[in-house]
C-alpha cells in the first residue's frame, strides 16, 4: 500500500490519516468543506506536537507525517500539502 485516500476529515478520518502518514504512507484527505479540512490540519498538527512532547514519536516522524499528508476539497484539484 503506497497511497491512501481518506474521505472525510472528521475525527475518524483525521486519525486514520495521521496514523497512516506516521507510518510513511502517502495520504490524501478529502472533504466537501475547506473549513473541515483546515480543522483537520490543525488537529493533526496538535496531535503530532502532543505525541512529540510525550516522546511517543520523534521530530523526524512528525516531519515525515506532515510530508505524507495532503488535503483536497475536490478529488480532481491539485493536491495541497501542509
C-alpha atoms as a PDB file:
ATOM      1  CA  UNK A   1       0.000   0.000   0.000  1.00  0.00           C
ATOM      2  CA  UNK A   2       1.659   3.239  -1.163  1.00  0.00           C
ATOM      3  CA  UNK A   3      -1.161   5.775  -1.332  1.00  0.00           C
ATOM      4  CA  UNK A   4      -4.430   6.071   0.569  1.00  0.00           C
ATOM      5  CA  UNK A   5      -7.407   8.364   0.077  1.00  0.00           C
ATOM      6  CA  UNK A   6      -9.381   9.172   3.230  1.00  0.00           C
ATOM      7  CA  UNK A   7     -12.852  10.515   2.525  1.00  0.00           C
ATOM      8  CA  UNK A   8     -13.995  12.813   5.314  1.00  0.00           C
ATOM      9  CA  UNK A   9     -11.807  14.925   7.567  1.00  0.00           C
ATOM     10  CA  UNK A  10     -13.650  14.445  10.832  1.00  0.00           C
ATOM     11  CA  UNK A  11     -12.258  12.823  13.952  1.00  0.00           C
ATOM     12  CA  UNK A  12     -12.032   9.361  12.420  1.00  0.00           C
ATOM     13  CA  UNK A  13     -10.709  10.480   9.023  1.00  0.00           C
ATOM     14  CA  UNK A  14      -8.065  12.711  10.591  1.00  0.00           C
ATOM     15  CA  UNK A  15      -6.984   9.965  12.975  1.00  0.00           C
ATOM     16  CA  UNK A  16      -6.688   7.414  10.202  1.00  0.00           C
ATOM     17  CA  UNK A  17      -4.715   9.841   8.033  1.00  0.00           C
ATOM     18  CA  UNK A  18      -2.383  10.697  10.911  1.00  0.00           C
ATOM     19  CA  UNK A  19      -1.666   7.047  11.677  1.00  0.00           C
ATOM     20  CA  UNK A  20      -1.020   6.183   8.042  1.00  0.00           C
ATOM     21  CA  UNK A  21       1.212   9.186   7.441  1.00  0.00           C
ATOM     22  CA  UNK A  22       3.370   8.474  10.516  1.00  0.00           C
ATOM     23  CA  UNK A  23       3.930   5.048   9.001  1.00  0.00           C
ATOM     24  CA  UNK A  24       5.242   6.571   5.754  1.00  0.00           C
ATOM     25  CA  UNK A  25       2.101   6.061   3.674  1.00  0.00           C
ATOM     26  CA  UNK A  26       1.178   8.938   1.376  1.00  0.00           C
ATOM     27  CA  UNK A  27      -2.286  10.004   2.468  1.00  0.00           C
ATOM     28  CA  UNK A  28      -4.796  12.384   0.923  1.00  0.00           C
ATOM     29  CA  UNK A  29      -7.768  13.627   2.934  1.00  0.00           C
ATOM     30  CA  UNK A  30     -10.783  14.928   1.039  1.00  0.00           C
ATOM     31  CA  UNK A  31     -13.861  16.703   2.341  1.00  0.00           C
ATOM     32  CA  UNK A  32     -16.593  18.901   0.897  1.00  0.00           C
ATOM     33  CA  UNK A  33     -15.694  21.724   3.281  1.00  0.00           C
ATOM     34  CA  UNK A  34     -12.499  23.789   3.354  1.00  0.00           C
ATOM     35  CA  UNK A  35     -13.272  24.648   6.980  1.00  0.00           C
ATOM     36  CA  UNK A  36     -13.348  20.948   7.900  1.00  0.00           C
ATOM     37  CA  UNK A  37     -10.063  20.372   6.102  1.00  0.00           C
ATOM     38  CA  UNK A  38      -8.451  23.283   7.946  1.00  0.00           C
ATOM     39  CA  UNK A  39      -9.710  21.966  11.305  1.00  0.00           C
ATOM     40  CA  UNK A  40      -8.364  18.540  10.408  1.00  0.00           C
ATOM     41  CA  UNK A  41      -4.964  20.023   9.574  1.00  0.00           C
ATOM     42  CA  UNK A  42      -4.874  21.916  12.889  1.00  0.00           C
ATOM     43  CA  UNK A  43      -5.944  18.825  14.861  1.00  0.00           C
ATOM     44  CA  UNK A  44      -3.319  16.621  13.233  1.00  0.00           C
ATOM     45  CA  UNK A  45      -0.577  19.185  13.945  1.00  0.00           C
ATOM     46  CA  UNK A  46      -1.763  19.473  17.556  1.00  0.00           C
ATOM     47  CA  UNK A  47      -1.776  15.677  17.937  1.00  0.00           C
ATOM     48  CA  UNK A  48       1.683  15.316  16.415  1.00  0.00           C
ATOM     49  CA  UNK A  49       3.046  18.002  18.744  1.00  0.00           C
ATOM     50  CA  UNK A  50       1.463  16.211  21.718  1.00  0.00           C
ATOM     51  CA  UNK A  51       2.986  12.880  20.679  1.00  0.00           C
ATOM     52  CA  UNK A  52       6.369  14.560  20.250  1.00  0.00           C
ATOM     53  CA  UNK A  53       6.214  16.193  23.700  1.00  0.00           C
ATOM     54  CA  UNK A  54       5.411  12.804  25.252  1.00  0.00           C
ATOM     55  CA  UNK A  55       8.352  11.227  23.357  1.00  0.00           C
ATOM     56  CA  UNK A  56       5.970   8.820  21.616  1.00  0.00           C
ATOM     57  CA  UNK A  57       7.237   9.960  18.221  1.00  0.00           C
ATOM     58  CA  UNK A  58      10.449  11.679  17.165  1.00  0.00           C
ATOM     59  CA  UNK A  59      10.735  15.017  15.402  1.00  0.00           C
ATOM     60  CA  UNK A  60      11.718  13.073  12.289  1.00  0.00           C
ATOM     61  CA  UNK A  61       8.492  11.032  12.472  1.00  0.00           C
ATOM     62  CA  UNK A  62       6.493  14.241  12.867  1.00  0.00           C
ATOM     63  CA  UNK A  63       8.141  15.716   9.771  1.00  0.00           C
ATOM     64  CA  UNK A  64       7.565  12.512   7.799  1.00  0.00           C
ATOM     65  CA  UNK A  65       3.921  12.569   8.789  1.00  0.00           C
ATOM     66  CA  UNK A  66       3.494  16.179   7.693  1.00  0.00           C
ATOM     67  CA  UNK A  67       5.151  15.457   4.336  1.00  0.00           C
ATOM     68  CA  UNK A  68       2.900  12.451   3.741  1.00  0.00           C
ATOM     69  CA  UNK A  69      -0.479  14.175   4.231  1.00  0.00           C
ATOM     70  CA  UNK A  70      -2.244  16.304   1.651  1.00  0.00           C
ATOM     71  CA  UNK A  71      -5.687  17.897   1.736  1.00  0.00           C
ATOM     72  CA  UNK A  72      -8.106  18.397  -1.164  1.00  0.00           C
ATOM     73  CA  UNK A  73     -11.643  19.707  -1.436  1.00  0.00           C
ATOM     74  CA  UNK A  74     -12.247  18.207  -4.863  1.00  0.00           C
ATOM     75  CA  UNK A  75     -10.680  14.982  -5.986  1.00  0.00           C
ATOM     76  CA  UNK A  76      -9.689  16.490  -9.322  1.00  0.00           C
ATOM     77  CA  UNK A  77      -7.918  19.552  -7.918  1.00  0.00           C
ATOM     78  CA  UNK A  78      -4.194  19.894  -7.328  1.00  0.00           C
ATOM     79  CA  UNK A  79      -3.115  18.364  -4.050  1.00  0.00           C
ATOM     80  CA  UNK A  80      -2.332  20.901  -1.316  1.00  0.00           C
ATOM     81  CA  UNK A  81       0.299  19.783   1.158  1.00  0.00           C
ATOM     82  CA  UNK A  82       0.861  21.234   4.634  1.00  0.00           C
END
